[in-house]
């Protein structure tokens, strides 16, 4: 299960996939995002969720940008999309993002330290 996506990508394309660290190889954004006061996980797993993220971020203009408006485009343009989204998420606190994204049905989660878990 640990290599499910990488394994399937290899079997489908017979190509070695570039490393993407903690990011999901087939979904952008599905990764750790910086906030004004820390980090959180954002998982906009489809175009509808990404559009809802854009509404929360007050950046619906991104849906008109061909590099951002589909999942395939976001994956292909990861090197542009990720830094742009990082700049957006850095403008508000983790708590703000989690509250607004959860209200909008966009996948997200806090990144907790052990003292916040126990």
C-alpha atoms as a PDB file:
ATOM      1  CA  UNK A   1       0.000   0.000   0.000  1.00  0.00           C
ATOM      2  CA  UNK A   2       2.905   2.378   0.595  1.00  0.00           C
ATOM      3  CA  UNK A   3       3.800   2.504  -3.098  1.00  0.00           C
ATOM      4  CA  UNK A   4       0.296   2.188  -4.505  1.00  0.00           C
ATOM      5  CA  UNK A   5       0.370   5.409  -6.552  1.00  0.00           C
ATOM      6  CA  UNK A   6       4.012   5.189  -7.584  1.00  0.00           C
ATOM      7  CA  UNK A   7       3.635   1.529  -8.502  1.00  0.00           C
ATOM      8  CA  UNK A   8       0.533   2.099 -10.595  1.00  0.00           C
ATOM      9  CA  UNK A   9       2.132   5.118 -12.282  1.00  0.00           C
ATOM     10  CA  UNK A  10       5.139   2.988 -13.217  1.00  0.00           C
ATOM     11  CA  UNK A  11       3.018   0.105 -14.494  1.00  0.00           C
ATOM     12  CA  UNK A  12       0.890   2.490 -16.575  1.00  0.00           C
ATOM     13  CA  UNK A  13       3.745   4.514 -18.086  1.00  0.00           C
ATOM     14  CA  UNK A  14       6.850   2.347 -17.643  1.00  0.00           C
ATOM     15  CA  UNK A  15       8.660   5.495 -16.479  1.00  0.00           C
ATOM     16  CA  UNK A  16      10.393   6.296 -13.227  1.00  0.00           C
ATOM     17  CA  UNK A  17       8.407   9.051 -11.533  1.00  0.00           C
ATOM     18  CA  UNK A  18      10.116  12.138 -10.158  1.00  0.00           C
ATOM     19  CA  UNK A  19      10.205  12.333  -6.386  1.00  0.00           C
ATOM     20  CA  UNK A  20       7.635  14.664  -4.854  1.00  0.00           C
ATOM     21  CA  UNK A  21       8.455  14.263  -1.166  1.00  0.00           C
ATOM     22  CA  UNK A  22       5.387  14.343   1.078  1.00  0.00           C
ATOM     23  CA  UNK A  23       3.205  15.575  -1.767  1.00  0.00           C
ATOM     24  CA  UNK A  24       0.757  13.273  -3.521  1.00  0.00           C
ATOM     25  CA  UNK A  25       2.081  12.224  -6.943  1.00  0.00           C
ATOM     26  CA  UNK A  26      -1.304  12.486  -8.708  1.00  0.00           C
ATOM     27  CA  UNK A  27      -3.144  15.248  -6.819  1.00  0.00           C
ATOM     28  CA  UNK A  28      -2.257  18.938  -6.379  1.00  0.00           C
ATOM     29  CA  UNK A  29      -2.766  20.306  -3.799  1.00  0.00           C
ATOM     30  CA  UNK A  30      -2.565  17.294  -1.492  1.00  0.00           C
ATOM     31  CA  UNK A  31       0.253  18.342   0.778  1.00  0.00           C
ATOM     32  CA  UNK A  32       1.553  20.320   3.721  1.00  0.00           C
ATOM     33  CA  UNK A  33       0.823  24.029   3.328  1.00  0.00           C
ATOM     34  CA  UNK A  34       2.376  26.940   5.238  1.00  0.00           C
ATOM     35  CA  UNK A  35       0.125  29.319   7.142  1.00  0.00           C
ATOM     36  CA  UNK A  36       0.702  32.590   8.937  1.00  0.00           C
ATOM     37  CA  UNK A  37       1.497  30.727  12.153  1.00  0.00           C
ATOM     38  CA  UNK A  38       2.452  27.177  11.173  1.00  0.00           C
ATOM     39  CA  UNK A  39       1.405  24.471   8.737  1.00  0.00           C
ATOM     40  CA  UNK A  40      -1.624  22.363   7.853  1.00  0.00           C
ATOM     41  CA  UNK A  41      -2.532  19.681   5.344  1.00  0.00           C
ATOM     42  CA  UNK A  42      -4.659  20.624   2.342  1.00  0.00           C
ATOM     43  CA  UNK A  43      -6.272  17.861   0.274  1.00  0.00           C
ATOM     44  CA  UNK A  44      -8.278  19.367  -2.566  1.00  0.00           C
ATOM     45  CA  UNK A  45      -8.713  15.966  -4.193  1.00  0.00           C
ATOM     46  CA  UNK A  46     -10.753  17.026  -7.221  1.00  0.00           C
ATOM     47  CA  UNK A  47     -11.608  20.093  -9.284  1.00  0.00           C
ATOM     48  CA  UNK A  48     -14.769  20.848  -7.307  1.00  0.00           C
ATOM     49  CA  UNK A  49     -12.847  20.898  -4.017  1.00  0.00           C
ATOM     50  CA  UNK A  50     -10.132  23.049  -5.562  1.00  0.00           C
ATOM     51  CA  UNK A  51     -12.755  25.548  -6.708  1.00  0.00           C
ATOM     52  CA  UNK A  52     -14.142  25.637  -3.162  1.00  0.00           C
ATOM     53  CA  UNK A  53     -10.593  26.259  -1.884  1.00  0.00           C
ATOM     54  CA  UNK A  54     -10.315  29.144  -4.358  1.00  0.00           C
ATOM     55  CA  UNK A  55     -13.603  30.601  -3.053  1.00  0.00           C
ATOM     56  CA  UNK A  56     -12.361  30.410   0.543  1.00  0.00           C
ATOM     57  CA  UNK A  57      -9.074  32.042  -0.516  1.00  0.00           C
ATOM     58  CA  UNK A  58     -10.961  34.710  -2.483  1.00  0.00           C
ATOM     59  CA  UNK A  59      -8.987  33.628  -5.562  1.00  0.00           C
ATOM     60  CA  UNK A  60     -11.580  32.371  -8.031  1.00  0.00           C
ATOM     61  CA  UNK A  61      -9.384  33.934 -10.724  1.00  0.00           C
ATOM     62  CA  UNK A  62      -7.213  30.817 -10.455  1.00  0.00           C
ATOM     63  CA  UNK A  63     -10.030  28.783 -11.997  1.00  0.00           C
ATOM     64  CA  UNK A  64      -9.575  30.839 -15.183  1.00  0.00           C
ATOM     65  CA  UNK A  65      -5.846  30.070 -15.314  1.00  0.00           C
ATOM     66  CA  UNK A  66      -5.180  27.026 -17.506  1.00  0.00           C
ATOM     67  CA  UNK A  67      -2.353  25.937 -15.174  1.00  0.00           C
ATOM     68  CA  UNK A  68      -4.768  25.715 -12.221  1.00  0.00           C
ATOM     69  CA  UNK A  69      -8.269  24.919 -13.496  1.00  0.00           C
ATOM     70  CA  UNK A  70      -8.024  21.102 -13.745  1.00  0.00           C
ATOM     71  CA  UNK A  71      -6.332  18.434 -11.671  1.00  0.00           C
ATOM     72  CA  UNK A  72      -4.243  17.338 -14.640  1.00  0.00           C
ATOM     73  CA  UNK A  73      -3.083  20.921 -15.210  1.00  0.00           C
ATOM     74  CA  UNK A  74      -2.206  21.372 -11.529  1.00  0.00           C
ATOM     75  CA  UNK A  75      -0.152  18.165 -11.521  1.00  0.00           C
ATOM     76  CA  UNK A  76       1.662  19.080 -14.758  1.00  0.00           C
ATOM     77  CA  UNK A  77       2.295  22.614 -13.445  1.00  0.00           C
ATOM     78  CA  UNK A  78       3.127  21.598  -9.867  1.00  0.00           C
ATOM     79  CA  UNK A  79       6.278  23.787  -9.861  1.00  0.00           C
ATOM     80  CA  UNK A  80       4.127  26.886 -10.494  1.00  0.00           C
ATOM     81  CA  UNK A  81       0.982  25.895  -8.606  1.00  0.00           C
ATOM     82  CA  UNK A  82       2.574  24.892  -5.302  1.00  0.00           C
ATOM     83  CA  UNK A  83       4.535  28.128  -4.718  1.00  0.00           C
ATOM     84  CA  UNK A  84       1.502  30.203  -5.726  1.00  0.00           C
ATOM     85  CA  UNK A  85      -0.737  28.357  -3.281  1.00  0.00           C
ATOM     86  CA  UNK A  86       1.913  28.612  -0.563  1.00  0.00           C
ATOM     87  CA  UNK A  87       1.840  32.400  -0.907  1.00  0.00           C
ATOM     88  CA  UNK A  88      -1.945  32.354  -0.554  1.00  0.00           C
ATOM     89  CA  UNK A  89      -2.066  30.080   2.489  1.00  0.00           C
ATOM     90  CA  UNK A  90       0.659  32.065   4.284  1.00  0.00           C
ATOM     91  CA  UNK A  91      -1.734  35.017   4.552  1.00  0.00           C
ATOM     92  CA  UNK A  92      -3.994  33.479   7.216  1.00  0.00           C
ATOM     93  CA  UNK A  93      -3.551  31.385  10.352  1.00  0.00           C
ATOM     94  CA  UNK A  94      -3.825  27.611  10.450  1.00  0.00           C
ATOM     95  CA  UNK A  95      -6.965  27.864  12.571  1.00  0.00           C
ATOM     96  CA  UNK A  96      -8.601  30.196  10.060  1.00  0.00           C
ATOM     97  CA  UNK A  97      -7.843  27.864   7.136  1.00  0.00           C
ATOM     98  CA  UNK A  98      -9.050  24.766   8.978  1.00  0.00           C
ATOM     99  CA  UNK A  99     -12.313  26.422  10.013  1.00  0.00           C
ATOM    100  CA  UNK A 100     -13.114  27.897   6.590  1.00  0.00           C
ATOM    101  CA  UNK A 101     -12.011  24.863   4.573  1.00  0.00           C
ATOM    102  CA  UNK A 102     -13.963  22.441   6.776  1.00  0.00           C
ATOM    103  CA  UNK A 103     -17.072  24.638   6.444  1.00  0.00           C
ATOM    104  CA  UNK A 104     -16.644  24.501   2.661  1.00  0.00           C
ATOM    105  CA  UNK A 105     -16.082  20.753   2.438  1.00  0.00           C
ATOM    106  CA  UNK A 106     -12.429  20.951   1.436  1.00  0.00           C
ATOM    107  CA  UNK A 107     -10.146  18.272   2.865  1.00  0.00           C
ATOM    108  CA  UNK A 108      -7.735  19.624   5.441  1.00  0.00           C
ATOM    109  CA  UNK A 109      -6.135  18.675   8.741  1.00  0.00           C
ATOM    110  CA  UNK A 110      -3.932  20.169  11.434  1.00  0.00           C
ATOM    111  CA  UNK A 111      -0.357  19.083  11.929  1.00  0.00           C
ATOM    112  CA  UNK A 112      -0.027  18.490  15.644  1.00  0.00           C
ATOM    113  CA  UNK A 113       2.907  18.258  18.017  1.00  0.00           C
ATOM    114  CA  UNK A 114       2.897  15.398  20.538  1.00  0.00           C
ATOM    115  CA  UNK A 115       1.853  17.740  23.356  1.00  0.00           C
ATOM    116  CA  UNK A 116      -1.238  18.656  21.310  1.00  0.00           C
ATOM    117  CA  UNK A 117      -2.163  15.018  20.828  1.00  0.00           C
ATOM    118  CA  UNK A 118      -1.831  13.659  24.371  1.00  0.00           C
END
